[in-house]
Amino acid sequence: MQYYALLGSKITRSSCRHQDAVMQALEVINRCIIDDVRRLLHHPDKSVKEISNELGFPNLSFFGKYVKRMLGMSPKATASRSALLPANDCRENPSGVDA
């Protein structure tokens, strides 16, 4: 989570005078978290609890609710589908726009 906080501070510092900029920063942070969730759930050697702890969520319940809100399915359901999804890493292209 510390990485995402730093990412957010860099994004909002550049243009935090507008609510849109703050929302865009939040969207980038959420996309990066979800990319990490998908990537980590793709590896069956880690439990959902271990992934939750690794990403800095305060507890397993909060992690499960966050994943369900963002992806529309539980972490376990996401793990079973993650093999079908292409790998994506927001750190390679934080803006989400192809150059």
Protein backbone atom coordinates (compact mmCIF):
# COMPACT_ATOMS: atom_id res chain seq x y z
CA MET A 1 0.00 0.00 0.00
CA GLN A 2 2.92 2.34 0.60
CA TYR A 3 3.78 2.22 -3.12
CA TYR A 4 0.23 3.28 -3.99
CA ALA A 5 0.34 6.16 -1.49
CA LEU A 6 3.55 7.44 -3.08
CA LEU A 7 2.07 7.02 -6.55
CA GLY A 8 -1.00 8.99 -5.49
CA SER A 9 1.02 11.81 -3.96
CA LYS A 10 3.00 12.22 -7.19
CA ILE A 11 -0.14 12.29 -9.31
CA THR A 12 -2.14 14.65 -7.09
CA ARG A 13 0.80 16.99 -6.46
CA SER A 14 0.98 17.89 -10.12
CA SER A 15 -2.62 19.10 -10.35
CA CYS A 16 -4.52 18.64 -7.12
CA ARG A 17 -6.54 21.84 -7.50
CA HIS A 18 -9.27 20.03 -9.35
CA GLN A 19 -11.48 17.21 -8.09
CA ASP A 20 -11.03 15.48 -11.45
CA ALA A 21 -7.29 15.16 -10.90
CA VAL A 22 -7.88 13.57 -7.50
CA MET A 23 -10.38 11.12 -8.97
CA GLN A 24 -7.99 10.27 -11.79
CA ALA A 25 -5.27 9.59 -9.22
CA LEU A 26 -7.61 7.34 -7.28
CA GLU A 27 -8.50 5.47 -10.46
CA VAL A 28 -4.81 4.93 -11.28
CA ILE A 29 -4.11 3.71 -7.75
CA ASN A 30 -7.10 1.36 -7.79
CA ARG A 31 -6.11 -0.01 -11.19
CA CYS A 32 -2.57 -0.69 -9.93
CA ILE A 33 -3.89 -2.44 -6.82
CA ILE A 34 -6.25 -4.58 -8.89
CA ASP A 35 -3.45 -5.41 -11.34
CA ASP A 36 -1.37 -6.59 -8.38
CA VAL A 37 -4.33 -8.54 -6.97
CA ARG A 38 -4.83 -10.34 -10.29
CA ARG A 39 -1.11 -11.03 -10.68
CA LEU A 40 -0.75 -12.42 -7.16
CA LEU A 41 -3.96 -14.46 -7.30
CA HIS A 42 -2.65 -16.05 -10.48
CA HIS A 43 0.01 -17.84 -8.41
CA PRO A 44 -1.60 -20.71 -6.48
CA ASP A 45 1.31 -20.98 -4.04
CA LYS A 46 -0.02 -18.00 -2.04
CA SER A 47 -3.21 -17.94 -0.01
CA VAL A 48 -5.70 -15.10 -0.24
CA LYS A 49 -4.72 -14.08 3.29
CA GLU A 50 -1.02 -13.93 2.34
CA ILE A 51 -1.86 -11.76 -0.68
CA SER A 52 -4.02 -9.49 1.46
CA ASN A 53 -1.16 -9.04 3.92
CA GLU A 54 1.41 -8.52 1.15
CA LEU A 55 -0.67 -5.72 -0.37
CA GLY A 56 -1.10 -4.04 3.02
CA PHE A 57 -4.83 -4.51 3.58
CA PRO A 58 -5.78 -4.20 7.26
CA ASN A 59 -7.65 -7.53 7.28
CA LEU A 60 -8.95 -10.30 5.05
CA SER A 61 -12.54 -9.07 5.20
CA PHE A 62 -11.61 -5.63 3.88
CA PHE A 63 -9.54 -7.21 1.10
CA GLY A 64 -12.41 -9.47 0.06
CA LYS A 65 -14.89 -6.59 -0.01
CA TYR A 66 -12.47 -4.39 -1.96
CA VAL A 67 -11.84 -7.06 -4.60
CA LYS A 68 -15.55 -7.82 -4.90
CA ARG A 69 -16.39 -4.10 -5.28
CA MET A 70 -13.68 -3.53 -7.88
CA LEU A 71 -14.01 -6.76 -9.89
CA GLY A 72 -17.53 -7.94 -9.12
CA MET A 73 -16.33 -11.28 -7.75
CA SER A 74 -14.58 -12.69 -4.70
CA PRO A 75 -10.81 -13.13 -4.55
CA LYS A 76 -11.20 -16.91 -4.96
CA ALA A 77 -13.40 -16.48 -8.03
CA THR A 78 -10.88 -13.98 -9.39
CA ALA A 79 -8.09 -16.49 -8.83
CA SER A 80 -9.92 -19.15 -10.81
CA ARG A 81 -10.48 -16.73 -13.70
CA SER A 82 -7.06 -15.04 -13.55
CA ALA A 83 -5.49 -17.70 -15.73
CA LEU A 84 -7.77 -16.51 -18.54
CA LEU A 85 -6.88 -12.81 -18.19
CA PRO A 86 -3.83 -11.21 -19.83
CA ALA A 87 -1.07 -9.99 -17.55
CA ASN A 88 -1.09 -6.24 -16.96
CA ASP A 89 1.23 -4.11 -14.89
CA CYS A 90 0.22 -0.50 -14.32
CA ARG A 91 3.78 0.38 -13.34
CA GLU A 92 4.84 -0.03 -16.97
CA ASN A 93 2.23 2.50 -18.17
CA PRO A 94 0.55 4.32 -15.23
CA SER A 95 -1.54 6.58 -17.48
CA GLY A 96 -3.14 3.62 -19.24
CA VAL A 97 -2.58 5.36 -22.60
CA ASP A 98 -0.48 3.66 -25.22
CA ALA A 99 2.43 5.73 -26.52
